[in-house]
Every structure is written in structure tokens, then in C-alpha cells.
Protein backbone atom coordinates (compact mmCIF):
# COMPACT_ATOMS: atom_id res chain seq x y z
CA MET A 1 -16.27 -14.36 3.04
CA LEU A 2 -18.36 -11.84 4.83
CA LEU A 3 -17.12 -10.46 8.15
CA SER A 4 -19.78 -9.84 10.87
CA ASN A 5 -19.62 -8.86 14.53
CA ILE A 6 -15.92 -7.94 14.28
CA ASN A 7 -14.01 -4.71 14.56
CA ILE A 8 -12.73 -3.91 11.04
CA PRO A 9 -9.78 -1.51 10.75
CA LYS A 10 -10.44 1.66 8.77
CA HIS A 11 -7.06 1.49 7.05
CA ILE A 12 -5.18 -1.69 6.35
CA ALA A 13 -1.74 -1.79 4.73
CA ILE A 14 -0.10 -4.91 3.37
CA ILE A 15 3.54 -5.72 2.76
CA MET A 16 3.17 -8.32 0.01
CA ASP A 17 6.36 -10.43 0.53
CA GLY A 18 7.27 -13.89 -0.75
CA ASN A 19 6.68 -13.86 -4.48
CA ARG A 20 10.31 -14.75 -5.36
CA ARG A 21 10.63 -17.44 -2.73
CA TRP A 22 7.26 -18.95 -3.86
CA ALA A 23 8.63 -19.22 -7.42
CA LYS A 24 12.01 -20.58 -6.31
CA ILE A 25 10.40 -23.35 -4.34
CA ARG A 26 8.66 -24.41 -7.57
CA GLY A 27 11.75 -24.07 -9.72
CA LYS A 28 10.40 -21.15 -11.62
CA LEU A 29 11.59 -17.68 -12.54
CA SER A 30 10.70 -14.80 -10.17
CA ILE A 31 8.18 -13.29 -12.59
CA PHE A 32 5.97 -16.38 -12.18
CA GLY A 33 5.83 -15.57 -8.45
CA HIS A 34 4.97 -11.97 -9.21
CA LYS A 35 2.17 -12.94 -11.57
CA LYS A 36 0.79 -15.33 -8.94
CA GLY A 37 1.20 -12.53 -6.39
CA MET A 38 -0.84 -10.23 -8.62
CA GLN A 39 -3.75 -12.74 -8.40
CA SER A 40 -3.42 -12.60 -4.55
CA ALA A 41 -3.62 -8.81 -4.71
CA LYS A 42 -6.80 -9.07 -6.73
CA ARG A 43 -8.27 -11.45 -4.13
CA ALA A 44 -7.31 -9.12 -1.27
CA ILE A 45 -8.91 -6.16 -3.09
CA GLU A 46 -12.11 -8.22 -3.66
CA PHE A 47 -12.25 -9.17 -0.02
CA ALA A 48 -11.90 -5.50 0.95
CA ILE A 49 -14.70 -4.48 -1.46
CA THR A 50 -16.98 -7.26 -0.29
CA ASN A 51 -16.57 -6.33 3.31
CA ASN A 52 -16.89 -2.55 2.72
CA PHE A 53 -13.37 -1.68 3.91
CA ASN A 54 -12.53 2.04 3.92
CA THR A 55 -8.93 1.99 2.83
CA LEU A 56 -6.41 -0.67 1.62
CA THR A 57 -2.79 0.13 0.80
CA LEU A 58 -0.57 -2.44 -0.96
CA TYR A 59 3.26 -2.30 -1.08
CA ALA A 60 4.00 -3.37 -4.57
CA PHE A 61 7.48 -2.01 -5.33
CA SER A 62 9.89 -0.24 -2.94
CA SER A 63 12.44 2.39 -3.87
CA GLU A 64 15.08 -0.27 -2.98
CA ASN A 65 13.71 -2.81 -5.53
CA TRP A 66 15.45 -1.00 -8.41
CA ASN A 67 18.55 -2.91 -7.23
CA ARG A 68 17.11 -6.15 -8.35
CA PRO A 69 18.11 -7.72 -11.73
CA ILE A 70 17.24 -5.47 -14.63
CA SER A 71 15.14 -8.22 -16.22
CA GLU A 72 13.03 -8.71 -13.13
CA VAL A 73 12.44 -4.99 -12.76
CA LYS A 74 11.37 -4.62 -16.38
CA SER A 75 9.05 -7.61 -15.99
CA LEU A 76 7.48 -5.92 -12.92
CA MET A 77 6.99 -2.68 -14.70
CA ASP A 78 5.34 -4.53 -17.62
CA LEU A 79 3.08 -6.33 -15.08
CA PHE A 80 2.11 -2.98 -13.51
CA LYS A 81 1.18 -1.60 -16.94
CA TYR A 82 -0.85 -4.72 -17.78
CA SER A 83 -2.73 -4.62 -14.55
CA LEU A 84 -3.62 -0.94 -14.91
CA LYS A 85 -4.66 -1.30 -18.52
CA ASN A 86 -6.77 -4.43 -18.01
CA GLY A 87 -8.07 -3.99 -14.45
CA ILE A 88 -8.91 -0.30 -13.98
CA TYR A 89 -12.37 -0.41 -15.42
CA ASN A 90 -13.29 -3.34 -13.21
CA LEU A 91 -12.17 -1.28 -10.25
CA HIS A 92 -14.04 1.79 -11.51
CA ASN A 93 -17.27 -0.22 -11.93
CA LYS A 94 -16.91 -1.27 -8.27
CA LYS A 95 -16.55 2.35 -7.14
CA VAL A 96 -12.87 1.94 -6.16
CA LYS A 97 -10.83 5.07 -5.88
CA LEU A 98 -7.24 4.33 -7.00
CA LYS A 99 -4.19 6.26 -5.96
CA ILE A 100 -0.57 5.45 -6.76
CA ILE A 101 1.75 6.63 -4.01
CA GLY A 102 5.54 6.88 -4.46
CA ASP A 103 8.00 8.71 -6.67
CA THR A 104 6.67 8.17 -10.18
CA SER A 105 9.25 10.41 -11.83
CA LYS A 106 11.46 7.42 -12.74
CA PHE A 107 8.72 5.65 -14.70
CA GLU A 108 8.51 5.67 -18.44
CA LYS A 109 5.86 7.76 -20.18
CA THR A 110 3.52 4.86 -20.88
CA LEU A 111 3.26 3.91 -17.28
CA LYS A 112 3.02 7.51 -16.08
CA LYS A 113 0.12 8.03 -18.54
CA LEU A 114 -1.68 4.91 -17.37
CA ILE A 115 -1.35 6.05 -13.75
CA TYR A 116 -2.63 9.48 -14.57
CA ASN A 117 -5.62 8.18 -16.56
CA SER A 118 -6.44 5.58 -13.90
CA GLU A 119 -6.45 8.04 -11.10
CA LYS A 120 -8.48 10.54 -13.10
CA LEU A 121 -11.05 7.90 -13.97
CA THR A 122 -11.67 6.89 -10.39
CA LYS A 123 -11.07 10.05 -8.47
CA ASN A 124 -14.75 10.72 -7.80
CA ASN A 125 -15.60 7.09 -6.69
CA ASN A 126 -16.87 6.70 -3.11
CA GLY A 127 -16.04 3.00 -2.53
CA LEU A 128 -12.84 1.45 -1.38
CA ASN A 129 -9.80 3.80 -1.28
CA LEU A 130 -7.13 1.69 -2.90
CA ASN A 131 -3.49 2.86 -2.60
CA ILE A 132 -0.72 1.10 -4.48
CA ALA A 133 2.80 1.95 -3.30
CA ILE A 134 5.17 1.77 -6.29
CA ASN A 135 8.72 3.08 -6.03
CA TYR A 136 7.80 4.11 -2.55
CA GLY A 137 9.91 4.49 0.51
CA GLY A 138 9.00 5.75 3.94
CA ARG A 139 12.11 7.86 4.24
CA TRP A 140 11.45 9.34 0.77
CA ASP A 141 7.91 10.17 1.85
CA ILE A 142 9.09 12.06 4.94
CA ILE A 143 11.84 13.88 3.04
CA GLN A 144 9.54 15.05 0.27
CA GLY A 145 7.13 16.29 2.90
CA ILE A 146 9.93 18.18 4.63
CA LYS A 147 10.86 19.82 1.29
CA LYS A 148 7.25 21.08 0.89
CA ILE A 149 7.37 22.50 4.40
CA ILE A 150 10.68 24.25 3.68
CA ASN A 151 9.10 25.76 0.51
CA ARG A 152 6.24 27.11 2.55
CA VAL A 153 8.57 28.64 5.11
CA GLN A 154 10.65 30.29 2.36
CA LYS A 155 7.46 31.78 0.90
CA GLY A 156 6.45 33.13 4.24
CA LEU A 157 3.39 30.93 4.50
CA ILE A 158 4.43 29.39 7.73
CA HIS A 159 6.87 30.21 10.57
CA PRO A 160 9.33 27.54 11.72
CA ASN A 161 7.91 27.79 15.27
CA GLN A 162 4.55 26.70 13.84
CA ILE A 163 5.75 23.44 12.49
CA ASN A 164 4.44 20.40 14.36
CA GLU A 165 3.29 16.85 13.72
CA GLN A 166 0.20 17.98 11.99
CA THR A 167 2.22 20.08 9.58
CA LEU A 168 3.99 16.97 8.24
CA CYS A 169 0.78 14.96 8.26
CA GLN A 170 -0.65 17.41 5.77
CA VAL A 171 2.16 16.96 3.18
CA ILE A 172 3.00 13.25 3.23
CA SER A 173 1.39 10.53 1.15
CA MET A 174 -2.29 9.69 1.91
CA ASN A 175 -2.66 12.82 4.05
CA ASP A 176 -6.35 12.96 3.31
CA LEU A 177 -6.96 9.43 4.63
CA ASP A 178 -7.09 7.81 8.11
CA PRO A 179 -3.79 6.68 9.59
CA VAL A 180 -2.99 2.99 9.13
CA ASP A 181 -4.61 0.77 11.77
CA LEU A 182 -3.23 -2.58 10.76
CA VAL A 183 -0.07 -3.60 8.88
CA ILE A 184 -0.02 -7.18 7.50
CA ARG A 185 3.26 -8.68 6.37
CA THR A 186 3.45 -12.00 4.61
CA GLY A 187 6.47 -14.21 3.91
CA GLY A 188 7.70 -14.77 7.46
CA GLU A 189 9.84 -11.66 7.84
CA TYR A 190 9.48 -9.47 10.88
CA ARG A 191 10.41 -5.93 9.69
CA ILE A 192 8.76 -2.86 8.16
CA SER A 193 11.13 -2.44 5.18
CA ASN A 194 10.81 1.33 4.93
CA PHE A 195 7.07 1.23 4.46
CA LEU A 196 4.83 4.12 5.62
CA LEU A 197 7.18 4.92 8.45
CA TRP A 198 5.13 7.98 9.57
CA GLN A 199 1.65 6.69 8.88
CA ILE A 200 2.06 3.43 10.96
CA ALA A 201 3.30 5.05 14.14
CA TYR A 202 0.45 3.45 16.08
CA SER A 203 -0.51 0.55 13.77
CA GLU A 204 -1.01 -2.99 14.97
CA LEU A 205 1.36 -5.39 13.25
CA PHE A 206 0.39 -8.88 11.99
CA PHE A 207 3.03 -11.26 10.67
CA THR A 208 2.37 -14.49 8.87
CA ASP A 209 4.69 -17.18 7.34
CA VAL A 210 2.33 -17.48 4.41
CA LEU A 211 4.03 -16.41 1.22
CA TRP A 212 2.10 -13.70 -0.63
CA PRO A 213 1.01 -15.86 -3.62
CA ASP A 214 -0.76 -18.16 -1.14
CA PHE A 215 -2.47 -15.32 0.74
CA ASP A 216 -6.16 -15.86 0.80
CA GLU A 217 -9.39 -14.64 2.58
CA ASN A 218 -8.73 -17.02 5.47
CA VAL A 219 -5.35 -15.38 6.21
CA PHE A 220 -6.91 -11.97 5.74
CA PHE A 221 -9.67 -12.92 8.18
CA ASN A 222 -7.17 -14.05 10.74
CA ALA A 223 -5.40 -10.77 10.55
CA ILE A 224 -8.66 -8.86 11.08
CA LYS A 225 -9.52 -11.12 13.99
CA PHE A 226 -6.12 -10.42 15.49
CA PHE A 227 -6.70 -6.73 15.16
CA SER A 228 -10.18 -6.90 16.76
CA GLN A 229 -8.74 -8.50 19.84
CA ARG A 230 -6.11 -5.78 20.39
CA ASN A 231 -6.53 -3.20 23.10
CA ARG A 232 -5.41 -0.05 21.34
CA ARG A 233 -4.49 2.62 24.04
CA PHE A 234 -2.38 5.08 21.95
CA GLY A 235 -0.18 5.78 24.90
CA THR A 236 -3.04 6.24 27.42
CA THR A 237 -4.15 3.86 30.14
CA LYS A 238 -7.69 3.10 28.94
């Protein structure tokens, strides 16, 4: 589906919710829902590429998801590895620049290496900026940014009185990209779930009852249409 005569957000972020419920409804294990959800992620990425989106950020695994059953977490990590290993060259051929955001220190060596190689392969691409949030939390993001600022203060590179919003903007995830314009959440929940807390300060929010495995280009189009009809004032009166 090609979008025309519509205001497309520069940066779209999606909270991909509903995989487990999708599987439960069908009497299947959670991993079946996650695998189906991976297909939806591929469709969303293709939609973004086709319509020349600037940036797409997908929330794949939160820092709180480690509390899920060990078997489910292991299956998710295996799914991440499989997707990187088998999908990165397709993304590279389509000029996608891939970035993994989140605390990757907890990952095993194989996944860390796949992430490093994937980012290195695509770092000079000039197509879609694709960010995948894995082991990511908005609070973690802000805290790690504050630690960087403290380090700069201790080194005498910046005075505390010089710290402002722009200072933190320069050290959090995706600091080189536009702020998020539109957040889409599937699955019928109406919350942010610790996702990009700083970056979505002025984002438009679109919620849908559609479970993530059923997310398609029609739902994506409706979200873009919703955004295009919003009057974004950013605190002013215009």
C-alpha cells in the first residue's frame, strides 16, 4: 500500500503487544505468538520501506520481560538470533540502517556478535532508520544518560549549571535521530510501559485493539491517517 497526500510522521515507534494473547486464544504456546508477531514486524518494516519512512522503532523486549518464564525468554532470544542471522542481508540490500537500542550487556556472546556485525554492515546505509529495542527501558535510558553527564562533569567538560534538556538529549538512545512523532500500541492496552519516556514527550498516541500478530498495512495506514489529522501545537496556540 502506497501512501499519498498524507502527512507521514518522521519517526514512528510501535509497542508490539498481544503475541501471547494471540497464541492463548488459539490454544498454542506463547512462542507461536512471538513467531507470528515476527512476521508482523517484517510487514511493518516493508510498509515503512515502501513508503520511504525516515525512522521506525520497534519495542521487541523490555527490561521487565526477563521476569517471564525462563523457557519463553530463551525462545525469544533464539528468535532474535535467528532473525538477525537470516534477515540482515535483506535489510542491507534495501538500504536499511539497523540499530539495537537497550542494555545489551546481559546478552550471550553469540547474540552480542550478531548485533555488532549487523550494525556494522548497515551503518552507512541511507534508507530507513530501523531501531529495535531489546532489553530496553525508558527509565534505564534516562539513568544511563545521567551517568554519562555525571562523568563529563567529573572530568570538567561541563559545569552543572550548563546542564539542560539538550544535554540529556545528546546522551540518550537515538540521540542522532528526530524525536518520536507517533507511538502505536497494539493489543488494546492504554499505557506506555516504560518505552522511550524522554523521546515521546510530544508524541501522538494511537491505540488499537488489534493484537500484534494481526497487525497489517491497513491498521498501519489508519494510524498514519490519525496522525495526519492531529493539530500538533507543542504547547503553543497555533
